[in-house]
Amino acid sequence: PEYWKLYYREGNEWIEVSNPSGYGVEEDRYNHVTFDPVTTDQLKLVARLQGPDPSWKPNSDNRMQASNKGKNGYSAGVIEWKVNE
């Protein structure tokens, strides 16, 4: 993703965790974040996916060239996440 944040539910509100250590966006690895402890029954991860570079032009078949995808290309987002206590 371009960026992400972690929220916890308190009552009917979603609140971003306090003092996150940083929201990494490295490819093909777990990106760890630590934060102040919370007591909750739900966590929510909100991510903004990467989009295409507006200067890219599609091929004649209206598809983006494979070489045009990457850091600024389309992203599938989060594949797996773990919560450790």
PDB file of N, CA and C in Angstrom:
ATOM      1  N   PRO A   1       0.826  -1.202   0.000  1.00  0.00           N
ATOM      2  CA  PRO A   1       0.000   0.000   0.000  1.00  0.00           C
ATOM      3  C   PRO A   1       0.867   1.261   0.000  1.00  0.00           C
ATOM      4  N   GLU A   2       0.274   2.359  -0.368  1.00  0.00           N
ATOM      5  CA  GLU A   2       0.977   3.645  -0.303  1.00  0.00           C
ATOM      6  C   GLU A   2       1.217   4.011   1.165  1.00  0.00           C
ATOM      7  N   TYR A   3       0.188   3.817   1.996  1.00  0.00           N
ATOM      8  CA  TYR A   3       0.330   3.986   3.434  1.00  0.00           C
ATOM      9  C   TYR A   3      -0.794   3.206   4.122  1.00  0.00           C
ATOM     10  N   TRP A   4      -0.654   3.013   5.429  1.00  0.00           N
ATOM     11  CA  TRP A   4      -1.690   2.330   6.195  1.00  0.00           C
ATOM     12  C   TRP A   4      -1.665   2.843   7.625  1.00  0.00           C
ATOM     13  N   LYS A   5      -2.782   2.620   8.323  1.00  0.00           N
ATOM     14  CA  LYS A   5      -2.916   2.993   9.726  1.00  0.00           C
ATOM     15  C   LYS A   5      -3.719   1.923  10.445  1.00  0.00           C
ATOM     16  N   LEU A   6      -3.537   1.845  11.739  1.00  0.00           N
ATOM     17  CA  LEU A   6      -4.219   0.850  12.547  1.00  0.00           C
ATOM     18  C   LEU A   6      -5.138   1.561  13.544  1.00  0.00           C
ATOM     19  N   TYR A   7      -6.384   1.071  13.614  1.00  0.00           N
ATOM     20  CA  TYR A   7      -7.398   1.642  14.499  1.00  0.00           C
ATOM     21  C   TYR A   7      -7.943   0.553  15.418  1.00  0.00           C
ATOM     22  N   TYR A   8      -8.445   0.960  16.578  1.00  0.00           N
ATOM     23  CA  TYR A   8      -9.135   0.046  17.478  1.00  0.00           C
ATOM     24  C   TYR A   8     -10.515   0.621  17.777  1.00  0.00           C
ATOM     25  N   ARG A   9     -11.426  -0.271  18.101  1.00  0.00           N
ATOM     26  CA  ARG A   9     -12.795   0.158  18.389  1.00  0.00           C
ATOM     27  C   ARG A   9     -12.962   0.418  19.879  1.00  0.00           C
ATOM     28  N   GLU A  10     -13.527   1.579  20.179  1.00  0.00           N
ATOM     29  CA  GLU A  10     -13.877   1.928  21.558  1.00  0.00           C
ATOM     30  C   GLU A  10     -15.321   2.405  21.525  1.00  0.00           C
ATOM     31  N   GLY A  11     -16.223   1.570  22.032  1.00  0.00           N
ATOM     32  CA  GLY A  11     -17.650   1.879  21.925  1.00  0.00           C
ATOM     33  C   GLY A  11     -18.055   1.818  20.461  1.00  0.00           C
ATOM     34  N   ASN A  12     -18.593   2.921  19.943  1.00  0.00           N
ATOM     35  CA  ASN A  12     -18.989   2.983  18.539  1.00  0.00           C
ATOM     36  C   ASN A  12     -18.002   3.766  17.686  1.00  0.00           C
ATOM     37  N   GLU A  13     -16.840   4.083  18.251  1.00  0.00           N
ATOM     38  CA  GLU A  13     -15.861   4.899  17.536  1.00  0.00           C
ATOM     39  C   GLU A  13     -14.618   4.097  17.186  1.00  0.00           C
ATOM     40  N   TRP A  14     -13.985   4.469  16.069  1.00  0.00           N
ATOM     41  CA  TRP A  14     -12.699   3.914  15.668  1.00  0.00           C
ATOM     42  C   TRP A  14     -11.638   4.967  15.962  1.00  0.00           C
ATOM     43  N   ILE A  15     -10.630   4.581  16.717  1.00  0.00           N
ATOM     44  CA  ILE A  15      -9.585   5.504  17.156  1.00  0.00           C
ATOM     45  C   ILE A  15      -8.239   4.948  16.700  1.00  0.00           C
ATOM     46  N   GLU A  16      -7.418   5.825  16.126  1.00  0.00           N
ATOM     47  CA  GLU A  16      -6.081   5.370  15.716  1.00  0.00           C
ATOM     48  C   GLU A  16      -5.268   5.045  16.959  1.00  0.00           C
ATOM     49  N   VAL A  17      -4.470   3.977  16.895  1.00  0.00           N
ATOM     50  CA  VAL A  17      -3.630   3.600  18.027  1.00  0.00           C
ATOM     51  C   VAL A  17      -2.685   4.752  18.364  1.00  0.00           C
ATOM     52  N   SER A  18      -2.325   4.853  19.643  1.00  0.00           N
ATOM     53  CA  SER A  18      -1.440   5.927  20.105  1.00  0.00           C
ATOM     54  C   SER A  18       0.017   5.531  19.983  1.00  0.00           C
ATOM     55  N   ASN A  19       0.831   6.492  19.621  1.00  0.00           N
ATOM     56  CA  ASN A  19       2.281   6.327  19.535  1.00  0.00           C
ATOM     57  C   ASN A  19       2.731   5.174  18.645  1.00  0.00           C
ATOM     58  N   PRO A  20       2.214   5.090  17.413  1.00  0.00           N
ATOM     59  CA  PRO A  20       2.693   4.023  16.522  1.00  0.00           C
ATOM     60  C   PRO A  20       4.177   4.231  16.219  1.00  0.00           C
ATOM     61  N   SER A  21       4.911   3.130  16.153  1.00  0.00           N
ATOM     62  CA  SER A  21       6.354   3.203  15.902  1.00  0.00           C
ATOM     63  C   SER A  21       6.678   3.512  14.451  1.00  0.00           C
ATOM     64  N   GLY A  22       5.697   3.452  13.599  1.00  0.00           N
ATOM     65  CA  GLY A  22       5.904   3.719  12.176  1.00  0.00           C
ATOM     66  C   GLY A  22       5.176   2.670  11.363  1.00  0.00           C
ATOM     67  N   TYR A  23       4.595   3.098  10.271  1.00  0.00           N
ATOM     68  CA  TYR A  23       3.837   2.196   9.413  1.00  0.00           C
ATOM     69  C   TYR A  23       4.667   1.919   8.162  1.00  0.00           C
ATOM     70  N   GLY A  24       5.465   0.867   8.202  1.00  0.00           N
ATOM     71  CA  GLY A  24       6.317   0.535   7.064  1.00  0.00           C
ATOM     72  C   GLY A  24       5.526   0.058   5.860  1.00  0.00           C
ATOM     73  N   VAL A  25       6.105   0.219   4.692  1.00  0.00           N
ATOM     74  CA  VAL A  25       5.463  -0.228   3.453  1.00  0.00           C
ATOM     75  C   VAL A  25       6.460  -0.998   2.566  1.00  0.00           C
ATOM     76  N   GLU A  26       7.374  -1.726   3.190  1.00  0.00           N
ATOM     77  CA  GLU A  26       8.338  -2.530   2.440  1.00  0.00           C
ATOM     78  C   GLU A  26       7.639  -3.711   1.792  1.00  0.00           C
ATOM     79  N   GLU A  27       8.055  -4.058   0.585  1.00  0.00           N
ATOM     80  CA  GLU A  27       7.449  -5.178  -0.142  1.00  0.00           C
ATOM     81  C   GLU A  27       7.935  -6.521   0.379  1.00  0.00           C
ATOM     82  N   ASP A  28       7.083  -7.537   0.252  1.00  0.00           N
ATOM     83  CA  ASP A  28       7.421  -8.941   0.497  1.00  0.00           C
ATOM     84  C   ASP A  28       8.017  -9.202   1.882  1.00  0.00           C
ATOM     85  N   ARG A  29       7.476  -8.549   2.888  1.00  0.00           N
ATOM     86  CA  ARG A  29       7.911  -8.792   4.263  1.00  0.00           C
ATOM     87  C   ARG A  29       6.852  -8.243   5.207  1.00  0.00           C
ATOM     88  N   TYR A  30       6.908  -8.688   6.449  1.00  0.00           N
ATOM     89  CA  TYR A  30       6.031  -8.102   7.454  1.00  0.00           C
ATOM     90  C   TYR A  30       6.567  -6.719   7.798  1.00  0.00           C
ATOM     91  N   ASN A  31       5.703  -5.749   7.888  1.00  0.00           N
ATOM     92  CA  ASN A  31       6.057  -4.410   8.338  1.00  0.00           C
ATOM     93  C   ASN A  31       5.476  -4.263   9.741  1.00  0.00           C
ATOM     94  N   HIS A  32       6.347  -4.191  10.733  1.00  0.00           N
ATOM     95  CA  HIS A  32       5.935  -4.188  12.136  1.00  0.00           C
ATOM     96  C   HIS A  32       5.598  -2.790  12.611  1.00  0.00           C
ATOM     97  N   VAL A  33       4.619  -2.718  13.489  1.00  0.00           N
ATOM     98  CA  VAL A  33       4.292  -1.476  14.181  1.00  0.00           C
ATOM     99  C   VAL A  33       4.008  -1.823  15.633  1.00  0.00           C
ATOM    100  N   THR A  34       4.555  -1.035  16.539  1.00  0.00           N
ATOM    101  CA  THR A  34       4.226  -1.171  17.957  1.00  0.00           C
ATOM    102  C   THR A  34       3.482   0.099  18.358  1.00  0.00           C
ATOM    103  N   PHE A  35       2.692  -0.001  19.417  1.00  0.00           N
ATOM    104  CA  PHE A  35       1.876   1.133  19.856  1.00  0.00           C
ATOM    105  C   PHE A  35       1.513   0.936  21.311  1.00  0.00           C
ATOM    106  N   ASP A  36       0.985   1.985  21.919  1.00  0.00           N
ATOM    107  CA  ASP A  36       0.551   1.898  23.312  1.00  0.00           C
ATOM    108  C   ASP A  36      -0.531   0.823  23.428  1.00  0.00           C
ATOM    109  N   PRO A  37      -0.521   0.039  24.507  1.00  0.00           N
ATOM    110  CA  PRO A  37      -1.521  -1.024  24.683  1.00  0.00           C
ATOM    111  C   PRO A  37      -2.958  -0.500  24.647  1.00  0.00           C
ATOM    112  N   VAL A  38      -3.840  -1.312  24.081  1.00  0.00           N
ATOM    113  CA  VAL A  38      -5.268  -1.001  24.044  1.00  0.00           C
ATOM    114  C   VAL A  38      -6.041  -2.238  24.475  1.00  0.00           C
ATOM    115  N   THR A  39      -7.239  -2.020  24.974  1.00  0.00           N
ATOM    116  CA  THR A  39      -8.167  -3.108  25.258  1.00  0.00           C
ATOM    117  C   THR A  39      -9.348  -2.905  24.326  1.00  0.00           C
ATOM    118  N   THR A  40      -9.584  -3.884  23.453  1.00  0.00           N
ATOM    119  CA  THR A  40     -10.633  -3.748  22.446  1.00  0.00           C
ATOM    120  C   THR A  40     -11.077  -5.125  21.985  1.00  0.00           C
ATOM    121  N   ASP A  41     -12.191  -5.165  21.291  1.00  0.00           N
ATOM    122  CA  ASP A  41     -12.640  -6.421  20.704  1.00  0.00           C
ATOM    123  C   ASP A  41     -12.450  -6.428  19.190  1.00  0.00           C
ATOM    124  N   GLN A  42     -12.005  -5.283  18.626  1.00  0.00           N
ATOM    125  CA  GLN A  42     -11.784  -5.241  17.174  1.00  0.00           C
ATOM    126  C   GLN A  42     -10.659  -4.285  16.820  1.00  0.00           C
ATOM    127  N   LEU A  43      -9.881  -4.687  15.826  1.00  0.00           N
ATOM    128  CA  LEU A  43      -8.874  -3.831  15.213  1.00  0.00           C
ATOM    129  C   LEU A  43      -9.254  -3.641  13.758  1.00  0.00           C
ATOM    130  N   LYS A  44      -8.864  -2.503  13.209  1.00  0.00           N
ATOM    131  CA  LYS A  44      -9.149  -2.229  11.803  1.00  0.00           C
ATOM    132  C   LYS A  44      -7.889  -1.653  11.175  1.00  0.00           C
ATOM    133  N   LEU A  45      -7.497  -2.213  10.050  1.00  0.00           N
ATOM    134  CA  LEU A  45      -6.365  -1.715   9.291  1.00  0.00           C
ATOM    135  C   LEU A  45      -6.929  -0.960   8.086  1.00  0.00           C
ATOM    136  N   VAL A  46      -6.534   0.292   7.933  1.00  0.00           N
ATOM    137  CA  VAL A  46      -6.987   1.114   6.817  1.00  0.00           C
ATOM    138  C   VAL A  46      -5.776   1.398   5.943  1.00  0.00           C
ATOM    139  N   ALA A  47      -5.876   1.058   4.668  1.00  0.00           N
ATOM    140  CA  ALA A  47      -4.748   1.236   3.756  1.00  0.00           C
ATOM    141  C   ALA A  47      -5.174   2.002   2.518  1.00  0.00           C
ATOM    142  N   ARG A  48      -4.270   2.838   2.043  1.00  0.00           N
ATOM    143  CA  ARG A  48      -4.487   3.500   0.751  1.00  0.00           C
ATOM    144  C   ARG A  48      -3.637   2.743  -0.256  1.00  0.00           C
ATOM    145  N   LEU A  49      -4.292   2.189  -1.265  1.00  0.00           N
ATOM    146  CA  LEU A  49      -3.579   1.436  -2.279  1.00  0.00           C
ATOM    147  C   LEU A  49      -2.871   2.372  -3.242  1.00  0.00           C
ATOM    148  N   GLN A  50      -1.770   1.896  -3.795  1.00  0.00           N
ATOM    149  CA  GLN A  50      -1.051   2.678  -4.795  1.00  0.00           C
ATOM    150  C   GLN A  50      -1.837   2.675  -6.098  1.00  0.00           C
ATOM    151  N   GLY A  51      -1.743   3.722  -6.828  1.00  0.00           N
ATOM    152  CA  GLY A  51      -2.429   3.817  -8.115  1.00  0.00           C
ATOM    153  C   GLY A  51      -1.436   4.021  -9.235  1.00  0.00           C
ATOM    154  N   PRO A  52      -1.920   4.054 -10.449  1.00  0.00           N
ATOM    155  CA  PRO A  52      -1.019   4.204 -11.584  1.00  0.00           C
ATOM    156  C   PRO A  52      -0.469   5.627 -11.672  1.00  0.00           C
ATOM    157  N   ASP A  53       0.697   5.756 -12.237  1.00  0.00           N
ATOM    158  CA  ASP A  53       1.283   7.058 -12.522  1.00  0.00           C
ATOM    159  C   ASP A  53       0.438   7.700 -13.616  1.00  0.00           C
ATOM    160  N   PRO A  54      -0.104   8.896 -13.410  1.00  0.00           N
ATOM    161  CA  PRO A  54      -0.990   9.500 -14.410  1.00  0.00           C
ATOM    162  C   PRO A  54      -0.310   9.766 -15.751  1.00  0.00           C
ATOM    163  N   SER A  55       1.019   9.752 -15.793  1.00  0.00           N
ATOM    164  CA  SER A  55       1.714   9.997 -17.060  1.00  0.00           C
ATOM    165  C   SER A  55       1.820   8.740 -17.922  1.00  0.00           C
ATOM    166  N   TRP A  56       1.491   7.560 -17.349  1.00  0.00           N
ATOM    167  CA  TRP A  56       1.586   6.324 -18.125  1.00  0.00           C
ATOM    168  C   TRP A  56       0.491   6.260 -19.167  1.00  0.00           C
ATOM    169  N   LYS A  57       0.828   5.683 -20.294  1.00  0.00           N
ATOM    170  CA  LYS A  57      -0.136   5.520 -21.388  1.00  0.00           C
ATOM    171  C   LYS A  57      -0.390   4.029 -21.585  1.00  0.00           C
ATOM    172  N   PRO A  58      -1.630   3.633 -21.818  1.00  0.00           N
ATOM    173  CA  PRO A  58      -1.932   2.217 -22.046  1.00  0.00           C
ATOM    174  C   PRO A  58      -1.423   1.756 -23.405  1.00  0.00           C
ATOM    175  N   ASN A  59      -1.250   0.436 -23.527  1.00  0.00           N
ATOM    176  CA  ASN A  59      -0.900  -0.185 -24.803  1.00  0.00           C
ATOM    177  C   ASN A  59      -2.084  -0.066 -25.749  1.00  0.00           C
ATOM    178  N   SER A  60      -1.905  -0.541 -26.963  1.00  0.00           N
ATOM    179  CA  SER A  60      -2.991  -0.496 -27.950  1.00  0.00           C
ATOM    180  C   SER A  60      -4.192  -1.333 -27.511  1.00  0.00           C
ATOM    181  N   ASP A  61      -3.986  -2.349 -26.673  1.00  0.00           N
ATOM    182  CA  ASP A  61      -5.099  -3.165 -26.175  1.00  0.00           C
ATOM    183  C   ASP A  61      -5.685  -2.585 -24.881  1.00  0.00           C
ATOM    184  N   ASN A  62      -5.311  -1.317 -24.561  1.00  0.00           N
ATOM    185  CA  ASN A  62      -5.836  -0.579 -23.413  1.00  0.00           C
ATOM    186  C   ASN A  62      -5.384  -1.142 -22.070  1.00  0.00           C
ATOM    187  N   ARG A  63      -4.234  -1.824 -22.051  1.00  0.00           N
ATOM    188  CA  ARG A  63      -3.658  -2.326 -20.800  1.00  0.00           C
ATOM    189  C   ARG A  63      -2.356  -1.595 -20.523  1.00  0.00           C
ATOM    190  N   MET A  64      -2.032  -1.487 -19.252  1.00  0.00           N
ATOM    191  CA  MET A  64      -0.760  -0.872 -18.882  1.00  0.00           C
ATOM    192  C   MET A  64       0.357  -1.863 -19.163  1.00  0.00           C
ATOM    193  N   GLN A  65       1.492  -1.373 -19.592  1.00  0.00           N
ATOM    194  CA  GLN A  65       2.644  -2.250 -19.821  1.00  0.00           C
ATOM    195  C   GLN A  65       3.125  -2.782 -18.481  1.00  0.00           C
ATOM    196  N   ALA A  66       3.564  -4.045 -18.463  1.00  0.00           N
ATOM    197  CA  ALA A  66       4.042  -4.650 -17.215  1.00  0.00           C
ATOM    198  C   ALA A  66       5.189  -3.840 -16.625  1.00  0.00           C
ATOM    199  N   SER A  67       6.036  -3.263 -17.485  1.00  0.00           N
ATOM    200  CA  SER A  67       7.170  -2.486 -16.985  1.00  0.00           C
ATOM    201  C   SER A  67       6.720  -1.198 -16.304  1.00  0.00           C
ATOM    202  N   ASN A  68       5.470  -0.806 -16.497  1.00  0.00           N
ATOM    203  CA  ASN A  68       4.958   0.407 -15.876  1.00  0.00           C
ATOM    204  C   ASN A  68       4.408   0.164 -14.479  1.00  0.00           C
ATOM    205  N   LYS A  69       4.354  -1.072 -14.056  1.00  0.00           N
ATOM    206  CA  LYS A  69       3.823  -1.371 -12.734  1.00  0.00           C
ATOM    207  C   LYS A  69       4.984  -1.484 -11.754  1.00  0.00           C
ATOM    208  N   GLY A  70       4.732  -1.247 -10.504  1.00  0.00           N
ATOM    209  CA  GLY A  70       5.775  -1.319  -9.496  1.00  0.00           C
ATOM    210  C   GLY A  70       5.454  -0.376  -8.368  1.00  0.00           C
ATOM    211  N   LYS A  71       6.448   0.310  -7.848  1.00  0.00           N
ATOM    212  CA  LYS A  71       6.257   1.188  -6.705  1.00  0.00           C
ATOM    213  C   LYS A  71       5.087   2.137  -6.917  1.00  0.00           C
ATOM    214  N   ASN A  72       4.945   2.682  -8.115  1.00  0.00           N
ATOM    215  CA  ASN A  72       3.847   3.599  -8.383  1.00  0.00           C
ATOM    216  C   ASN A  72       2.746   2.938  -9.194  1.00  0.00           C
ATOM    217  N   GLY A  73       2.755   1.614  -9.259  1.00  0.00           N
ATOM    218  CA  GLY A  73       1.740   0.901 -10.019  1.00  0.00           C
ATOM    219  C   GLY A  73       0.620   0.431  -9.117  1.00  0.00           C
ATOM    220  N   TYR A  74      -0.205  -0.451  -9.627  1.00  0.00           N
ATOM    221  CA  TYR A  74      -1.321  -0.958  -8.834  1.00  0.00           C
ATOM    222  C   TYR A  74      -0.818  -1.858  -7.721  1.00  0.00           C
ATOM    223  N   SER A  75      -1.502  -1.850  -6.619  1.00  0.00           N
ATOM    224  CA  SER A  75      -1.145  -2.667  -5.473  1.00  0.00           C
ATOM    225  C   SER A  75      -2.365  -3.458  -5.022  1.00  0.00           C
ATOM    226  N   ALA A  76      -2.150  -4.702  -4.619  1.00  0.00           N
ATOM    227  CA  ALA A  76      -3.237  -5.529  -4.111  1.00  0.00           C
ATOM    228  C   ALA A  76      -3.480  -5.280  -2.631  1.00  0.00           C
ATOM    229  N   GLY A  77      -2.600  -4.546  -1.988  1.00  0.00           N
ATOM    230  CA  GLY A  77      -2.793  -4.218  -0.583  1.00  0.00           C
ATOM    231  C   GLY A  77      -2.145  -5.220   0.350  1.00  0.00           C
ATOM    232  N   VAL A  78      -2.804  -5.534   1.432  1.00  0.00           N
ATOM    233  CA  VAL A  78      -2.255  -6.383   2.485  1.00  0.00           C
ATOM    234  C   VAL A  78      -2.603  -7.838   2.195  1.00  0.00           C
ATOM    235  N   ILE A  79      -1.600  -8.694   2.212  1.00  0.00           N
ATOM    236  CA  ILE A  79      -1.820 -10.112   1.950  1.00  0.00           C
ATOM    237  C   ILE A  79      -2.088 -10.872   3.244  1.00  0.00           C
ATOM    238  N   GLU A  80      -1.385 -10.508   4.297  1.00  0.00           N
ATOM    239  CA  GLU A  80      -1.563 -11.180   5.590  1.00  0.00           C
ATOM    240  C   GLU A  80      -1.156 -10.220   6.692  1.00  0.00           C
ATOM    241  N   TRP A  81      -1.834 -10.304   7.819  1.00  0.00           N
ATOM    242  CA  TRP A  81      -1.390  -9.542   8.972  1.00  0.00           C
ATOM    243  C   TRP A  81      -1.564 -10.354  10.235  1.00  0.00           C
ATOM    244  N   LYS A  82      -0.710 -10.088  11.234  1.00  0.00           N
ATOM    245  CA  LYS A  82      -0.719 -10.811  12.499  1.00  0.00           C
ATOM    246  C   LYS A  82      -0.816  -9.798  13.630  1.00  0.00           C
ATOM    247  N   VAL A  83      -1.495 -10.201  14.699  1.00  0.00           N
ATOM    248  CA  VAL A  83      -1.588  -9.372  15.892  1.00  0.00           C
ATOM    249  C   VAL A  83      -0.941 -10.153  17.025  1.00  0.00           C
ATOM    250  N   ASN A  84       0.075  -9.579  17.620  1.00  0.00           N
ATOM    251  CA  ASN A  84       0.778 -10.207  18.745  1.00  0.00           C
ATOM    252  C   ASN A  84       0.461  -9.439  20.011  1.00  0.00           C
ATOM    253  N   GLU A  85       0.294 -10.172  21.106  1.00  0.00           N
ATOM    254  CA  GLU A  85       0.030  -9.515  22.380  1.00  0.00           C
ATOM    255  C   GLU A  85       1.311  -9.239  23.112  1.00  0.00           C
TER     256      GLU A  85
END
